[in-house]
Protein backbone atom coordinates (compact mmCIF):
# COMPACT_ATOMS: atom_id res chain seq x y z
CA MET A 1 -5.84 -12.06 -16.95
CA LYS A 2 -5.90 -13.95 -13.70
CA ALA A 3 -4.45 -13.28 -10.26
CA LEU A 4 -3.72 -15.30 -7.13
CA ILE A 5 -3.61 -14.00 -3.55
CA LYS A 6 -2.05 -16.15 -0.80
CA GLN A 7 -2.14 -15.52 2.93
CA ILE A 8 1.26 -15.45 4.62
CA ASP A 9 0.17 -14.57 8.16
CA GLY A 10 -2.84 -12.57 9.38
CA LEU A 11 -3.40 -9.82 6.84
CA SER A 12 0.07 -10.23 5.33
CA LEU A 13 -0.52 -11.52 1.82
CA VAL A 14 1.29 -11.99 -1.45
CA GLY A 15 -0.26 -11.72 -4.85
CA LYS A 16 0.78 -12.47 -8.39
CA SER A 17 -0.76 -12.26 -11.82
CA ASP A 18 0.11 -13.34 -15.33
CA SER A 19 3.62 -11.83 -15.18
CA ASN A 20 4.33 -14.26 -12.33
CA HIS A 21 5.91 -11.67 -9.99
CA TRP A 22 4.94 -11.86 -6.32
CA VAL A 23 3.91 -8.60 -4.65
CA PRO A 24 3.65 -8.29 -0.85
CA LEU A 25 0.43 -6.77 0.48
CA ASP A 26 -0.51 -5.89 4.04
CA SER A 27 -2.56 -3.59 6.23
CA ALA A 28 -1.89 -1.18 9.09
CA LYS A 29 -1.29 -2.62 12.54
CA THR A 30 -4.44 -0.86 13.74
CA PHE A 31 -6.44 -3.13 11.42
CA GLY A 32 -4.58 -6.32 12.30
CA GLY A 33 -1.84 -6.12 9.73
CA ALA A 34 1.90 -6.22 10.21
CA GLU A 35 2.72 -3.33 7.84
CA ALA A 36 4.89 -5.75 5.87
CA GLY A 37 3.69 -4.81 2.40
CA THR A 38 1.93 -2.26 0.25
CA ARG A 39 -1.73 -1.61 0.99
CA PRO A 40 -4.25 -2.35 -1.79
CA MET A 41 -5.29 1.29 -2.32
CA GLU A 42 -1.61 2.24 -2.56
CA MET A 43 -1.25 -0.41 -5.27
CA ILE A 44 -4.02 1.28 -7.26
CA LEU A 45 -2.25 4.63 -7.04
CA ILE A 46 1.07 3.03 -8.00
CA ALA A 47 -0.66 1.22 -10.88
CA LEU A 48 -2.01 4.51 -12.23
CA GLY A 49 1.41 6.13 -11.95
CA GLY A 50 3.22 3.23 -13.56
CA CYS A 51 0.71 2.98 -16.40
CA THR A 52 0.81 6.63 -17.40
CA ALA A 53 4.57 6.97 -16.80
CA MET A 54 5.29 4.12 -19.22
CA ASP A 55 2.98 5.70 -21.79
CA VAL A 56 4.42 9.20 -21.47
CA LEU A 57 8.04 8.06 -21.58
CA SER A 58 7.34 5.86 -24.61
CA ILE A 59 5.48 8.63 -26.45
CA LEU A 60 8.17 11.22 -25.70
CA LYS A 61 10.83 8.81 -26.98
CA LYS A 62 8.86 8.40 -30.24
CA MET A 63 8.69 12.21 -30.43
CA ARG A 64 12.50 12.19 -30.15
CA GLU A 65 12.47 14.21 -26.94
CA ASN A 66 15.71 13.73 -25.00
CA VAL A 67 14.34 12.96 -21.53
CA LEU A 68 17.24 12.67 -19.08
CA ASP A 69 15.20 12.22 -15.91
CA PHE A 70 11.54 11.64 -15.06
CA ASP A 71 9.49 11.71 -11.89
CA LEU A 72 5.77 11.41 -11.34
CA SER A 73 4.20 12.26 -8.01
CA LEU A 74 0.59 11.38 -7.27
CA ASP A 75 -1.55 12.94 -4.56
CA ALA A 76 -4.89 11.31 -3.78
CA GLU A 77 -7.82 12.21 -1.57
CA ARG A 78 -10.16 9.57 -0.19
CA ALA A 79 -13.79 9.63 0.90
CA GLU A 80 -14.61 9.87 4.58
CA GLY A 81 -15.99 6.60 5.91
CA HIS A 82 -16.32 3.27 4.17
CA PRO A 83 -15.70 2.50 1.44
CA ALA A 84 -12.86 5.03 1.48
CA VAL A 85 -12.62 5.29 -2.30
CA PHE A 86 -10.45 7.81 -4.07
CA THR A 87 -12.34 11.04 -4.77
CA LYS A 88 -9.52 13.06 -6.33
CA ILE A 89 -6.13 12.20 -7.76
CA HIS A 90 -3.61 14.75 -8.97
CA LEU A 91 -0.54 13.75 -10.98
CA HIS A 92 2.53 15.98 -11.25
CA TYR A 93 4.98 15.00 -13.97
CA THR A 94 8.54 16.33 -13.77
CA ILE A 95 10.54 15.91 -16.96
CA ALA A 96 14.20 16.88 -17.13
CA GLY A 97 16.18 17.40 -20.30
CA ASN A 98 17.43 20.00 -22.72
CA GLY A 99 15.16 21.52 -25.30
CA ILE A 100 12.08 19.56 -24.19
CA ASN A 101 9.04 20.88 -26.07
CA PRO A 102 6.21 21.61 -23.60
CA ASP A 103 3.59 20.99 -26.31
CA ASN A 104 4.96 17.47 -26.82
CA VAL A 105 4.86 16.80 -23.09
CA SER A 106 1.27 17.99 -22.87
CA LYS A 107 0.29 15.91 -25.89
CA ALA A 108 2.02 12.80 -24.49
CA ILE A 109 0.20 13.15 -21.17
CA ASP A 110 -3.14 13.77 -22.90
CA LEU A 111 -2.66 10.67 -25.07
CA SER A 112 -1.82 8.58 -22.02
CA MET A 113 -4.69 9.83 -19.87
CA ASP A 114 -7.32 9.83 -22.62
CA LYS A 115 -6.34 6.96 -24.90
CA TYR A 116 -3.68 4.51 -23.73
CA CYS A 117 -3.63 4.16 -19.93
CA SER A 118 -6.19 1.51 -18.98
CA VAL A 119 -5.88 2.32 -15.27
CA SER A 120 -6.69 5.98 -15.93
CA ALA A 121 -9.65 5.02 -18.09
CA MET A 122 -11.12 2.93 -15.26
CA LEU A 123 -10.47 5.44 -12.50
CA LYS A 124 -11.72 8.50 -14.39
CA LYS A 125 -15.21 6.97 -14.42
CA SER A 126 -15.50 7.60 -10.69
CA VAL A 127 -12.58 9.81 -9.63
CA GLN A 128 -11.63 13.38 -10.52
CA VAL A 129 -8.17 12.98 -12.10
CA THR A 130 -6.11 16.10 -12.81
CA TRP A 131 -2.52 16.63 -13.88
CA ASP A 132 0.18 19.16 -14.49
CA PHE A 133 3.85 19.07 -15.44
CA GLU A 134 7.09 20.93 -15.17
CA ILE A 135 10.19 20.77 -17.32
CA LYS A 136 13.59 21.09 -15.72
CA LYS A 137 16.68 21.95 -17.74
CA GLU A 138 19.62 19.60 -17.34
CA ASP A 139 23.06 21.20 -17.32
């Protein structure tokens, strides 16, 4: 895998990788940015969420769970000072549907976090990653 980062103006950048989709990146105005794109640490959090969400949804589909809606919220804490790495990340999965089996949801999340999600595997080496879930009934 390769990536390319190009400067647009100041700290406003765009990046792309093998999928050939440009992603805008930027920093806060207090650091010289224009706030015109996602910050790099935000991208890491989004990458974790996207990785595990795709896994969990795919696994639940294979388990024949009828997921009607899905949300994943991530809450991260960062170290004081530099480098301000993530120290804790908590993921809260919200699955909506009828007759969703909680054991299948738990198993799908475990499989994602422990076996399939590459982003989780990298982050868990240095960050405390926790999760929980809730199931909402759809009427």
